[in-house]
Amino acid sequence: MPATTFRIWRGDRNAGAFKDYTTDVTDGMVVLDVIHQIQAEQAPDLACRWNCKAGKCGSCSAEVNGMPKLMCMTRMDTLDMSAPVTVEPMKAFPLIRDLATDVSWNYAVKKRIRPFRPRTPDAPDGSWRMKQADVDRVQEFRKCIECFLCQDVCHVLRDHHKHGEFVGPRFLVYTAALEMHPLDTEDRLADLKDEQGIGYCNITKCCTKVCPEHITITDNAIIPLKERVVDEYYDPLTRLFRIFKPRP
């Protein structure tokens, strides 16, 4: 492959700009390989976050040619190298330096979600019995590697900066994994409506498109949660039932 120009964002939260680096690209390389090569040969102070280089730790999230991606899973032969390849940090979170962003907000959000609360064991040995179909339903959500690409592409966070009012698709998936668990007894619907801002999501499916684990975020997690909230708080028949229901 010919030498390729990479246009990489350099700077911190105060100031910065794109800087061009030209380097050789060989067969089989991914974007993270090139970033490491540029670090080794031209820019040893270039900051980027990574760990496993196997698409499972979620650390090397960035925007490649304007699309949120894992750098370690973005093969160079899938990109147009006739023009500069742009690599920049995620835009939904505060910049630390270069390609590294501060994603600590996500961990604070996760702590606010009501934890799993199992029902009483229903078997003589103190364990539970569940239908396999119910177990299968939530297994998909457990594949999340918390790369936060879905958070980055979500317009509510990225463009409107509603971090104080909306938890984002990652934590709607997390809530769905709890709400749909066959053993869980906690009620999180009021939190979804009032604190987690599920009403802000207009189901554009952009989060589903960027998920490296191919979780069907919108259809399997967010829409079912929206339906539960609507049934609980906005269905007219349910409201009438509450009005006329005899009080104990």
C-alpha atoms as a PDB file:
ATOM      1  CA  MET A   1       0.000   0.000   0.000  1.00  0.00           C
ATOM      2  CA  PRO A   2       1.207   3.569  -0.653  1.00  0.00           C
ATOM      3  CA  ALA A   3       2.076   6.075   2.048  1.00  0.00           C
ATOM      4  CA  THR A   4      -1.073   7.527   3.556  1.00  0.00           C
ATOM      5  CA  THR A   5      -1.774  10.863   5.193  1.00  0.00           C
ATOM      6  CA  PHE A   6      -3.496  10.834   8.567  1.00  0.00           C
ATOM      7  CA  ARG A   7      -5.153  14.011   9.814  1.00  0.00           C
ATOM      8  CA  ILE A   8      -5.146  13.628  13.609  1.00  0.00           C
ATOM      9  CA  TRP A   9      -6.602  15.978  16.182  1.00  0.00           C
ATOM     10  CA  ARG A  10      -3.934  17.332  18.526  1.00  0.00           C
ATOM     11  CA  GLY A  11      -4.675  19.483  21.530  1.00  0.00           C
ATOM     12  CA  ASP A  12      -6.516  19.654  24.835  1.00  0.00           C
ATOM     13  CA  ARG A  13      -9.805  21.088  26.127  1.00  0.00           C
ATOM     14  CA  ASN A  14      -8.443  24.629  25.797  1.00  0.00           C
ATOM     15  CA  ALA A  15      -7.186  24.622  22.213  1.00  0.00           C
ATOM     16  CA  GLY A  16      -6.147  22.335  19.383  1.00  0.00           C
ATOM     17  CA  ALA A  17      -6.077  21.651  15.667  1.00  0.00           C
ATOM     18  CA  PHE A  18      -5.657  18.854  13.157  1.00  0.00           C
ATOM     19  CA  LYS A  19      -2.105  17.888  12.230  1.00  0.00           C
ATOM     20  CA  ASP A  20      -1.105  15.791   9.219  1.00  0.00           C
ATOM     21  CA  TYR A  21       1.190  12.771   9.461  1.00  0.00           C
ATOM     22  CA  THR A  22       2.273  10.687   6.481  1.00  0.00           C
ATOM     23  CA  THR A  23       3.215   7.086   7.097  1.00  0.00           C
ATOM     24  CA  ASP A  24       3.384   3.744   5.300  1.00  0.00           C
ATOM     25  CA  VAL A  25       0.449   1.385   5.582  1.00  0.00           C
ATOM     26  CA  THR A  26       0.966  -2.335   5.142  1.00  0.00           C
ATOM     27  CA  ASP A  27      -1.488  -5.169   4.536  1.00  0.00           C
ATOM     28  CA  GLY A  28      -3.604  -6.129   7.520  1.00  0.00           C
ATOM     29  CA  MET A  29      -3.148  -2.917   9.480  1.00  0.00           C
ATOM     30  CA  VAL A  30      -5.974  -1.331  11.450  1.00  0.00           C
ATOM     31  CA  VAL A  31      -6.257   2.328  12.405  1.00  0.00           C
ATOM     32  CA  LEU A  32      -4.829   1.679  15.878  1.00  0.00           C
ATOM     33  CA  ASP A  33      -1.730   0.113  14.297  1.00  0.00           C
ATOM     34  CA  VAL A  34      -1.150   3.306  12.352  1.00  0.00           C
ATOM     35  CA  ILE A  35      -1.644   5.465  15.447  1.00  0.00           C
ATOM     36  CA  HIS A  36       0.965   3.378  17.272  1.00  0.00           C
ATOM     37  CA  GLN A  37       3.306   3.668  14.285  1.00  0.00           C
ATOM     38  CA  ILE A  38       2.952   7.449  14.265  1.00  0.00           C
ATOM     39  CA  GLN A  39       3.589   7.497  18.020  1.00  0.00           C
ATOM     40  CA  ALA A  40       6.761   5.436  17.563  1.00  0.00           C
ATOM     41  CA  GLU A  41       8.166   7.354  14.602  1.00  0.00           C
ATOM     42  CA  GLN A  42       6.820  10.908  14.622  1.00  0.00           C
ATOM     43  CA  ALA A  43       4.731  11.909  17.644  1.00  0.00           C
ATOM     44  CA  PRO A  44       5.693  10.153  20.893  1.00  0.00           C
ATOM     45  CA  ASP A  45       3.473  12.542  22.864  1.00  0.00           C
ATOM     46  CA  LEU A  46       0.295  11.630  20.924  1.00  0.00           C
ATOM     47  CA  ALA A  47      -2.323  10.564  23.480  1.00  0.00           C
ATOM     48  CA  CYS A  48      -4.754   7.749  22.748  1.00  0.00           C
ATOM     49  CA  ARG A  49      -6.482   5.200  24.938  1.00  0.00           C
ATOM     50  CA  TRP A  50      -6.314   1.472  24.194  1.00  0.00           C
ATOM     51  CA  ASN A  51      -5.913  -1.859  25.962  1.00  0.00           C
ATOM     52  CA  CYS A  52      -6.814  -5.194  24.375  1.00  0.00           C
ATOM     53  CA  LYS A  53      -6.544  -4.470  20.621  1.00  0.00           C
ATOM     54  CA  ALA A  54      -9.159  -7.195  20.138  1.00  0.00           C
ATOM     55  CA  GLY A  55     -12.415  -5.245  20.089  1.00  0.00           C
ATOM     56  CA  LYS A  56     -13.442  -6.295  23.604  1.00  0.00           C
ATOM     57  CA  CYS A  57     -12.221  -3.617  26.032  1.00  0.00           C
ATOM     58  CA  GLY A  58     -13.936  -0.643  24.365  1.00  0.00           C
ATOM     59  CA  SER A  59     -11.001   1.652  25.124  1.00  0.00           C
ATOM     60  CA  CYS A  60      -9.889   2.840  21.682  1.00  0.00           C
ATOM     61  CA  SER A  61     -13.114   4.571  20.667  1.00  0.00           C
ATOM     62  CA  ALA A  62     -12.606   7.524  18.336  1.00  0.00           C
ATOM     63  CA  GLU A  63     -14.090   9.070  15.212  1.00  0.00           C
ATOM     64  CA  VAL A  64     -12.569   7.883  11.958  1.00  0.00           C
ATOM     65  CA  ASN A  65     -13.572   9.946   8.934  1.00  0.00           C
ATOM     66  CA  GLY A  66     -16.401  11.359  11.051  1.00  0.00           C
ATOM     67  CA  MET A  67     -17.825   7.985  12.114  1.00  0.00           C
ATOM     68  CA  PRO A  68     -17.584   6.672  15.701  1.00  0.00           C
ATOM     69  CA  LYS A  69     -15.524   3.476  15.562  1.00  0.00           C
ATOM     70  CA  LEU A  70     -13.159   1.255  17.502  1.00  0.00           C
ATOM     71  CA  MET A  71      -9.733   2.010  16.052  1.00  0.00           C
ATOM     72  CA  CYS A  72      -8.574  -1.565  16.649  1.00  0.00           C
ATOM     73  CA  MET A  73     -11.442  -2.973  14.572  1.00  0.00           C
ATOM     74  CA  THR A  74     -11.284  -0.502  11.684  1.00  0.00           C
ATOM     75  CA  ARG A  75      -9.217  -2.059   8.931  1.00  0.00           C
ATOM     76  CA  MET A  76      -7.261   0.285   6.715  1.00  0.00           C
ATOM     77  CA  ASP A  77      -8.327  -1.528   3.553  1.00  0.00           C
ATOM     78  CA  THR A  78     -11.928  -0.484   4.258  1.00  0.00           C
ATOM     79  CA  LEU A  79     -11.042   3.227   4.143  1.00  0.00           C
ATOM     80  CA  ASP A  80     -10.461   5.561   1.206  1.00  0.00           C
ATOM     81  CA  MET A  81      -6.744   6.262   1.451  1.00  0.00           C
ATOM     82  CA  SER A  82      -6.635   8.531  -1.593  1.00  0.00           C
ATOM     83  CA  ALA A  83      -7.614  11.364   0.777  1.00  0.00           C
ATOM     84  CA  PRO A  84      -6.351  12.091   4.309  1.00  0.00           C
ATOM     85  CA  VAL A  85      -7.814   9.727   6.912  1.00  0.00           C
ATOM     86  CA  THR A  86      -9.236  11.868   9.710  1.00  0.00           C
ATOM     87  CA  VAL A  87      -8.960  10.606  13.293  1.00  0.00           C
ATOM     88  CA  GLU A  88     -10.427  12.680  16.118  1.00  0.00           C
ATOM     89  CA  PRO A  89     -11.753  12.143  19.663  1.00  0.00           C
ATOM     90  CA  MET A  90     -15.369  11.401  20.542  1.00  0.00           C
ATOM     91  CA  LYS A  91     -17.426  14.596  20.601  1.00  0.00           C
ATOM     92  CA  ALA A  92     -19.995  13.722  23.276  1.00  0.00           C
ATOM     93  CA  PHE A  93     -17.490  13.857  26.154  1.00  0.00           C
ATOM     94  CA  PRO A  94     -14.953  16.387  27.460  1.00  0.00           C
ATOM     95  CA  LEU A  95     -11.568  16.258  25.787  1.00  0.00           C
ATOM     96  CA  ILE A  96      -8.543  15.376  27.883  1.00  0.00           C
ATOM     97  CA  ARG A  97      -5.849  15.475  25.212  1.00  0.00           C
ATOM     98  CA  ASP A  98      -5.527  14.467  21.560  1.00  0.00           C
ATOM     99  CA  LEU A  99      -7.682  11.325  21.089  1.00  0.00           C
ATOM    100  CA  ALA A 100      -8.411  10.717  24.785  1.00  0.00           C
ATOM    101  CA  THR A 101     -11.727  11.879  26.266  1.00  0.00           C
ATOM    102  CA  ASP A 102     -13.109  11.909  29.804  1.00  0.00           C
ATOM    103  CA  VAL A 103     -15.856   9.263  29.896  1.00  0.00           C
ATOM    104  CA  SER A 104     -16.227   9.221  33.695  1.00  0.00           C
ATOM    105  CA  TRP A 105     -19.749  10.687  33.422  1.00  0.00           C
ATOM    106  CA  ASN A 106     -20.915   7.311  32.134  1.00  0.00           C
ATOM    107  CA  TYR A 107     -19.779   5.495  35.263  1.00  0.00           C
ATOM    108  CA  ALA A 108     -21.544   8.017  37.474  1.00  0.00           C
ATOM    109  CA  VAL A 109     -24.758   7.456  35.515  1.00  0.00           C
ATOM    110  CA  LYS A 110     -24.493   3.696  35.933  1.00  0.00           C
ATOM    111  CA  LYS A 111     -24.324   4.041  39.713  1.00  0.00           C
ATOM    112  CA  ARG A 112     -27.666   5.879  39.744  1.00  0.00           C
ATOM    113  CA  ILE A 113     -29.602   3.061  38.086  1.00  0.00           C
ATOM    114  CA  ARG A 114     -31.541   0.870  40.512  1.00  0.00           C
ATOM    115  CA  PRO A 115     -29.661  -2.430  40.893  1.00  0.00           C
ATOM    116  CA  PHE A 116     -30.922  -5.937  40.277  1.00  0.00           C
ATOM    117  CA  ARG A 117     -33.418  -7.122  42.914  1.00  0.00           C
ATOM    118  CA  PRO A 118     -34.290 -10.815  42.526  1.00  0.00           C
ATOM    119  CA  ARG A 119     -37.553 -12.401  43.565  1.00  0.00           C
ATOM    120  CA  THR A 120     -37.705 -15.058  46.257  1.00  0.00           C
ATOM    121  CA  PRO A 121     -36.231 -18.401  45.167  1.00  0.00           C
ATOM    122  CA  ASP A 122     -38.952 -20.766  43.981  1.00  0.00           C
ATOM    123  CA  ALA A 123     -37.167 -24.108  44.121  1.00  0.00           C
ATOM    124  CA  PRO A 124     -36.612 -26.375  47.167  1.00  0.00           C
ATOM    125  CA  ASP A 125     -32.855 -26.038  46.828  1.00  0.00           C
ATOM    126  CA  GLY A 126     -33.024 -22.230  47.114  1.00  0.00           C
ATOM    127  CA  SER A 127     -32.482 -21.538  43.421  1.00  0.00           C
ATOM    128  CA  TRP A 128     -34.770 -20.154  40.721  1.00  0.00           C
ATOM    129  CA  ARG A 129     -36.550 -21.574  37.710  1.00  0.00           C
ATOM    130  CA  MET A 130     -36.646 -19.561  34.492  1.00  0.00           C
ATOM    131  CA  LYS A 131     -37.838 -20.131  30.948  1.00  0.00           C
ATOM    132  CA  GLN A 132     -35.034 -20.286  28.418  1.00  0.00           C
ATOM    133  CA  ALA A 133     -36.785 -17.758  26.170  1.00  0.00           C
ATOM    134  CA  ASP A 134     -36.766 -15.207  28.991  1.00  0.00           C
ATOM    135  CA  VAL A 135     -33.073 -15.803  29.615  1.00  0.00           C
ATOM    136  CA  ASP A 136     -32.252 -15.495  25.918  1.00  0.00           C
ATOM    137  CA  ARG A 137     -33.982 -12.123  25.702  1.00  0.00           C
ATOM    138  CA  VAL A 138     -31.492 -10.352  27.956  1.00  0.00           C
ATOM    139  CA  GLN A 139     -28.332 -12.156  26.847  1.00  0.00           C
ATOM    140  CA  GLU A 140     -27.868  -9.805  23.892  1.00  0.00           C
ATOM    141  CA  PHE A 141     -27.573  -6.804  26.191  1.00  0.00           C
ATOM    142  CA  ARG A 142     -24.758  -8.432  28.161  1.00  0.00           C
ATOM    143  CA  LYS A 143     -22.468  -8.238  25.121  1.00  0.00           C
ATOM    144  CA  CYS A 144     -21.942  -4.501  25.644  1.00  0.00           C
ATOM    145  CA  ILE A 145     -18.242  -3.614  26.033  1.00  0.00           C
ATOM    146  CA  GLU A 146     -18.958  -0.027  27.140  1.00  0.00           C
ATOM    147  CA  CYS A 147     -17.046   1.564  24.288  1.00  0.00           C
ATOM    148  CA  PHE A 148     -19.616   4.397  24.464  1.00  0.00           C
ATOM    149  CA  LEU A 149     -19.781   4.758  20.687  1.00  0.00           C
ATOM    150  CA  CYS A 150     -23.574   4.688  20.953  1.00  0.00           C
ATOM    151  CA  GLN A 151     -23.366   7.513  23.491  1.00  0.00           C
ATOM    152  CA  ASP A 152     -21.071   9.464  21.183  1.00  0.00           C
ATOM    153  CA  VAL A 153     -23.329   9.242  18.135  1.00  0.00           C
ATOM    154  CA  CYS A 154     -26.543  10.003  20.063  1.00  0.00           C
ATOM    155  CA  HIS A 155     -27.676  13.497  19.034  1.00  0.00           C
ATOM    156  CA  VAL A 156     -29.246  14.140  22.459  1.00  0.00           C
ATOM    157  CA  LEU A 157     -25.771  13.975  24.034  1.00  0.00           C
ATOM    158  CA  ARG A 158     -23.581  14.919  21.081  1.00  0.00           C
ATOM    159  CA  ASP A 159     -25.482  17.945  19.749  1.00  0.00           C
ATOM    160  CA  HIS A 160     -27.837  19.000  22.536  1.00  0.00           C
ATOM    161  CA  HIS A 161     -25.606  18.181  25.530  1.00  0.00           C
ATOM    162  CA  LYS A 162     -28.464  16.826  27.655  1.00  0.00           C
ATOM    163  CA  HIS A 163     -26.115  14.862  29.903  1.00  0.00           C
ATOM    164  CA  GLY A 164     -27.951  16.052  32.992  1.00  0.00           C
ATOM    165  CA  GLU A 165     -31.335  14.880  31.706  1.00  0.00           C
ATOM    166  CA  PHE A 166     -30.640  11.849  29.494  1.00  0.00           C
ATOM    167  CA  VAL A 167     -28.629   8.725  30.285  1.00  0.00           C
ATOM    168  CA  GLY A 168     -28.035   7.734  26.661  1.00  0.00           C
ATOM    169  CA  PRO A 169     -28.511   4.458  24.762  1.00  0.00           C
ATOM    170  CA  ARG A 170     -25.823   2.543  26.657  1.00  0.00           C
ATOM    171  CA  PHE A 171     -27.694   2.893  29.923  1.00  0.00           C
ATOM    172  CA  LEU A 172     -31.087   2.325  28.398  1.00  0.00           C
ATOM    173  CA  VAL A 173     -29.630  -1.015  27.285  1.00  0.00           C
ATOM    174  CA  TYR A 174     -28.339  -1.592  30.817  1.00  0.00           C
ATOM    175  CA  THR A 175     -31.748  -0.740  32.272  1.00  0.00           C
ATOM    176  CA  ALA A 176     -33.448  -3.035  29.756  1.00  0.00           C
ATOM    177  CA  ALA A 177     -31.176  -5.901  30.821  1.00  0.00           C
ATOM    178  CA  LEU A 178     -32.435  -5.414  34.373  1.00  0.00           C
ATOM    179  CA  GLU A 179     -36.089  -4.657  33.620  1.00  0.00           C
ATOM    180  CA  MET A 180     -36.453  -7.661  31.304  1.00  0.00           C
ATOM    181  CA  HIS A 181     -34.581 -10.087  33.534  1.00  0.00           C
ATOM    182  CA  PRO A 182     -36.988 -12.892  34.510  1.00  0.00           C
ATOM    183  CA  LEU A 183     -35.951 -12.724  38.181  1.00  0.00           C
ATOM    184  CA  ASP A 184     -35.923  -8.961  38.686  1.00  0.00           C
ATOM    185  CA  THR A 185     -38.655  -7.310  40.771  1.00  0.00           C
ATOM    186  CA  GLU A 186     -37.481  -3.672  40.818  1.00  0.00           C
ATOM    187  CA  ASP A 187     -39.623  -0.985  39.144  1.00  0.00           C
ATOM    188  CA  ARG A 188     -37.545   1.530  37.147  1.00  0.00           C
ATOM    189  CA  LEU A 189     -40.294   3.025  34.964  1.00  0.00           C
ATOM    190  CA  ALA A 190     -40.614   6.247  36.953  1.00  0.00           C
ATOM    191  CA  ASP A 191     -36.851   6.714  36.737  1.00  0.00           C
ATOM    192  CA  LEU A 192     -36.913   6.124  32.989  1.00  0.00           C
ATOM    193  CA  LYS A 193     -39.570   8.788  32.559  1.00  0.00           C
ATOM    194  CA  ASP A 194     -38.399  11.423  35.020  1.00  0.00           C
ATOM    195  CA  GLU A 195     -34.673  11.013  35.600  1.00  0.00           C
ATOM    196  CA  GLN A 196     -33.259   9.051  32.683  1.00  0.00           C
ATOM    197  CA  GLY A 197     -35.083  11.038  29.999  1.00  0.00           C
ATOM    198  CA  ILE A 198     -36.181   8.187  27.769  1.00  0.00           C
ATOM    199  CA  GLY A 199     -38.621  10.566  26.084  1.00  0.00           C
ATOM    200  CA  TYR A 200     -35.705  12.422  24.486  1.00  0.00           C
ATOM    201  CA  CYS A 201     -34.869   9.414  22.305  1.00  0.00           C
ATOM    202  CA  ASN A 202     -36.577   9.650  18.921  1.00  0.00           C
ATOM    203  CA  ILE A 203     -35.415   6.179  17.814  1.00  0.00           C
ATOM    204  CA  THR A 204     -33.284   7.208  14.820  1.00  0.00           C
ATOM    205  CA  LYS A 205     -31.287   3.971  15.303  1.00  0.00           C
ATOM    206  CA  CYS A 206     -27.940   5.749  14.934  1.00  0.00           C
ATOM    207  CA  CYS A 207     -26.776   4.032  18.135  1.00  0.00           C
ATOM    208  CA  THR A 208     -27.601   0.601  16.720  1.00  0.00           C
ATOM    209  CA  LYS A 209     -25.622   1.335  13.548  1.00  0.00           C
ATOM    210  CA  VAL A 210     -22.347   2.048  15.355  1.00  0.00           C
ATOM    211  CA  CYS A 211     -22.458  -0.753  17.943  1.00  0.00           C
ATOM    212  CA  PRO A 212     -19.400  -2.995  17.413  1.00  0.00           C
ATOM    213  CA  GLU A 213     -21.167  -5.880  19.188  1.00  0.00           C
ATOM    214  CA  HIS A 214     -24.199  -5.554  16.880  1.00  0.00           C
ATOM    215  CA  ILE A 215     -26.644  -5.169  19.760  1.00  0.00           C
ATOM    216  CA  THR A 216     -30.082  -4.241  18.464  1.00  0.00           C
ATOM    217  CA  ILE A 217     -30.207  -1.279  20.819  1.00  0.00           C
ATOM    218  CA  THR A 218     -33.232   0.546  19.442  1.00  0.00           C
ATOM    219  CA  ASP A 219     -35.611  -2.264  18.563  1.00  0.00           C
ATOM    220  CA  ASN A 220     -34.857  -4.695  21.384  1.00  0.00           C
ATOM    221  CA  ALA A 221     -34.067  -2.344  24.286  1.00  0.00           C
ATOM    222  CA  ILE A 222     -35.225   1.243  23.860  1.00  0.00           C
ATOM    223  CA  ILE A 223     -38.564   0.726  22.097  1.00  0.00           C
ATOM    224  CA  PRO A 224     -39.778  -1.938  24.592  1.00  0.00           C
ATOM    225  CA  LEU A 225     -38.828   0.372  27.465  1.00  0.00           C
ATOM    226  CA  LYS A 226     -40.672   3.261  25.834  1.00  0.00           C
ATOM    227  CA  GLU A 227     -43.734   1.042  25.453  1.00  0.00           C
ATOM    228  CA  ARG A 228     -43.640   0.129  29.147  1.00  0.00           C
ATOM    229  CA  VAL A 229     -43.428   3.775  30.164  1.00  0.00           C
ATOM    230  CA  VAL A 230     -46.303   4.722  27.848  1.00  0.00           C
ATOM    231  CA  ASP A 231     -48.454   1.861  29.141  1.00  0.00           C
ATOM    232  CA  GLU A 232     -47.782   2.842  32.737  1.00  0.00           C
ATOM    233  CA  TYR A 233     -48.148   6.626  32.544  1.00  0.00           C
ATOM    234  CA  TYR A 234     -49.898   7.665  29.341  1.00  0.00           C
ATOM    235  CA  ASP A 235     -52.362   4.933  28.392  1.00  0.00           C
ATOM    236  CA  PRO A 236     -55.877   6.441  28.872  1.00  0.00           C
ATOM    237  CA  LEU A 237     -57.460   3.161  29.957  1.00  0.00           C
ATOM    238  CA  THR A 238     -54.824   2.657  32.606  1.00  0.00           C
ATOM    239  CA  ARG A 239     -55.410   6.178  33.902  1.00  0.00           C
ATOM    240  CA  LEU A 240     -59.155   5.596  34.088  1.00  0.00           C
ATOM    241  CA  PHE A 241     -58.590   2.335  35.934  1.00  0.00           C
ATOM    242  CA  ARG A 242     -56.502   4.170  38.523  1.00  0.00           C
ATOM    243  CA  ILE A 243     -59.175   6.832  38.987  1.00  0.00           C
ATOM    244  CA  PHE A 244     -62.002   4.372  39.575  1.00  0.00           C
ATOM    245  CA  LYS A 245     -60.033   1.642  41.301  1.00  0.00           C
ATOM    246  CA  PRO A 246     -61.394   1.180  44.831  1.00  0.00           C
ATOM    247  CA  ARG A 247     -58.955   2.258  47.476  1.00  0.00           C
ATOM    248  CA  PRO A 248     -58.015  -0.354  50.096  1.00  0.00           C
END
